[in-house]
Amino acid sequence: MSSNSGYEPLDLPHGKEYTHRAHRFPGKFHPPLIKYILENYGENHDTVADPMCGSGTVGVEATVQGKDSICVDLDPLSCLMTR
């Protein structure tokens, strides 16, 4: 299944924290919480918006589930990590 963004969902073993340990960012979401929210709320092909993306956890978890995401932040470090 491919998303509208042209990227394929990540095919990685369950239980991994994909990029969460890449940088010590103080305002991180816990990946299992975001995974649970995305799995249990909304539709399969929804686009997820994160207006304060921080370290990009919401965007990563959305991609893993094959959803598109829109991630923005005023902090240049956050934008760099999310890319």
C-alpha atoms as a PDB file:
ATOM      1  CA  MET A   1       0.000   0.000   0.000  1.00  0.00           C
ATOM      2  CA  SER A   2       1.452   3.378  -0.870  1.00  0.00           C
ATOM      3  CA  SER A   3       0.542   6.754   0.534  1.00  0.00           C
ATOM      4  CA  ASN A   4      -0.298   9.854  -1.492  1.00  0.00           C
ATOM      5  CA  SER A   5       3.145  11.246  -0.678  1.00  0.00           C
ATOM      6  CA  GLY A   6       4.816   8.658  -2.886  1.00  0.00           C
ATOM      7  CA  TYR A   7       6.620   7.013   0.041  1.00  0.00           C
ATOM      8  CA  GLU A   8       5.982   3.412   0.978  1.00  0.00           C
ATOM      9  CA  PRO A   9       5.128   2.600   4.621  1.00  0.00           C
ATOM     10  CA  LEU A  10       8.173   1.397   6.512  1.00  0.00           C
ATOM     11  CA  ASP A  11       8.509  -2.352   6.673  1.00  0.00           C
ATOM     12  CA  LEU A  12      10.293  -2.738  10.003  1.00  0.00           C
ATOM     13  CA  PRO A  13       9.811  -5.222  12.838  1.00  0.00           C
ATOM     14  CA  HIS A  14       7.143  -4.301  15.376  1.00  0.00           C
ATOM     15  CA  GLY A  15       8.304  -2.803  18.656  1.00  0.00           C
ATOM     16  CA  LYS A  16      11.102  -0.664  17.232  1.00  0.00           C
ATOM     17  CA  GLU A  17      11.362   3.014  17.991  1.00  0.00           C
ATOM     18  CA  TYR A  18      12.229   4.058  14.466  1.00  0.00           C
ATOM     19  CA  THR A  19      13.957   7.408  14.985  1.00  0.00           C
ATOM     20  CA  HIS A  20      13.024   8.305  18.534  1.00  0.00           C
ATOM     21  CA  ARG A  21      16.521   7.777  19.902  1.00  0.00           C
ATOM     22  CA  ALA A  22      18.237   9.824  17.191  1.00  0.00           C
ATOM     23  CA  HIS A  23      18.317  13.003  19.296  1.00  0.00           C
ATOM     24  CA  ARG A  24      17.659  13.980  22.919  1.00  0.00           C
ATOM     25  CA  PHE A  25      14.725  16.310  22.362  1.00  0.00           C
ATOM     26  CA  PRO A  26      12.982  17.363  25.606  1.00  0.00           C
ATOM     27  CA  GLY A  27       9.382  17.404  24.334  1.00  0.00           C
ATOM     28  CA  LYS A  28       9.102  13.976  22.709  1.00  0.00           C
ATOM     29  CA  PHE A  29       5.910  11.983  22.530  1.00  0.00           C
ATOM     30  CA  HIS A  30       6.197   8.352  23.602  1.00  0.00           C
ATOM     31  CA  PRO A  31       5.947   6.385  20.293  1.00  0.00           C
ATOM     32  CA  PRO A  32       3.583   3.659  21.596  1.00  0.00           C
ATOM     33  CA  LEU A  33       1.102   6.362  22.673  1.00  0.00           C
ATOM     34  CA  ILE A  34       1.092   7.955  19.211  1.00  0.00           C
ATOM     35  CA  LYS A  35       0.860   4.531  17.576  1.00  0.00           C
ATOM     36  CA  TYR A  36      -2.187   3.710  19.715  1.00  0.00           C
ATOM     37  CA  ILE A  37      -3.892   7.020  18.936  1.00  0.00           C
ATOM     38  CA  LEU A  38      -3.313   6.706  15.191  1.00  0.00           C
ATOM     39  CA  GLU A  39      -4.516   3.085  15.138  1.00  0.00           C
ATOM     40  CA  ASN A  40      -7.674   3.755  17.128  1.00  0.00           C
ATOM     41  CA  TYR A  41      -8.869   7.168  15.960  1.00  0.00           C
ATOM     42  CA  GLY A  42      -9.578   8.354  12.445  1.00  0.00           C
ATOM     43  CA  GLU A  43      -9.682   6.462   9.170  1.00  0.00           C
ATOM     44  CA  ASN A  44      -6.965   4.461   7.432  1.00  0.00           C
ATOM     45  CA  HIS A  45      -6.229   7.068   4.770  1.00  0.00           C
ATOM     46  CA  ASP A  46      -6.505  10.199   6.892  1.00  0.00           C
ATOM     47  CA  THR A  47      -3.811  12.854   6.745  1.00  0.00           C
ATOM     48  CA  VAL A  48      -2.362  13.560  10.183  1.00  0.00           C
ATOM     49  CA  ALA A  49      -1.415  17.152  11.057  1.00  0.00           C
ATOM     50  CA  ASP A  50       1.132  17.991  13.755  1.00  0.00           C
ATOM     51  CA  PRO A  51       1.449  21.781  14.221  1.00  0.00           C
ATOM     52  CA  MET A  52       4.335  21.470  16.714  1.00  0.00           C
ATOM     53  CA  CYS A  53       6.199  18.466  15.369  1.00  0.00           C
ATOM     54  CA  GLY A  54       9.124  18.533  17.794  1.00  0.00           C
ATOM     55  CA  SER A  55      11.280  15.513  17.016  1.00  0.00           C
ATOM     56  CA  GLY A  56       8.855  14.114  14.422  1.00  0.00           C
ATOM     57  CA  THR A  57       7.345  11.181  16.328  1.00  0.00           C
ATOM     58  CA  VAL A  58       3.836  11.766  14.960  1.00  0.00           C
ATOM     59  CA  GLY A  59       5.137  11.976  11.385  1.00  0.00           C
ATOM     60  CA  VAL A  60       7.187   8.793  11.748  1.00  0.00           C
ATOM     61  CA  GLU A  61       4.341   6.807  13.291  1.00  0.00           C
ATOM     62  CA  ALA A  62       1.930   8.071  10.610  1.00  0.00           C
ATOM     63  CA  THR A  63       4.351   6.963   7.875  1.00  0.00           C
ATOM     64  CA  VAL A  64       4.758   3.545   9.491  1.00  0.00           C
ATOM     65  CA  GLN A  65       0.972   3.143   9.307  1.00  0.00           C
ATOM     66  CA  GLY A  66       0.816   4.293   5.686  1.00  0.00           C
ATOM     67  CA  LYS A  67      -0.774   7.662   6.466  1.00  0.00           C
ATOM     68  CA  ASP A  68       0.248  11.023   5.088  1.00  0.00           C
ATOM     69  CA  SER A  69       1.336  13.659   7.580  1.00  0.00           C
ATOM     70  CA  ILE A  70       1.847  17.401   7.660  1.00  0.00           C
ATOM     71  CA  CYS A  71       4.448  18.406  10.234  1.00  0.00           C
ATOM     72  CA  VAL A  72       5.431  22.016  10.961  1.00  0.00           C
ATOM     73  CA  ASP A  73       7.295  23.803  13.744  1.00  0.00           C
ATOM     74  CA  LEU A  74       8.823  27.209  14.446  1.00  0.00           C
ATOM     75  CA  ASP A  75      11.970  25.673  15.948  1.00  0.00           C
ATOM     76  CA  PRO A  76      14.635  25.149  13.243  1.00  0.00           C
ATOM     77  CA  LEU A  77      16.027  22.133  15.152  1.00  0.00           C
ATOM     78  CA  SER A  78      12.586  20.502  15.113  1.00  0.00           C
ATOM     79  CA  CYS A  79      12.265  21.083  11.377  1.00  0.00           C
ATOM     80  CA  LEU A  80      15.687  19.560  10.789  1.00  0.00           C
ATOM     81  CA  MET A  81      14.950  16.455  12.888  1.00  0.00           C
ATOM     82  CA  THR A  82      11.580  15.927  11.251  1.00  0.00           C
ATOM     83  CA  ARG A  83      12.985  16.067   7.728  1.00  0.00           C
END
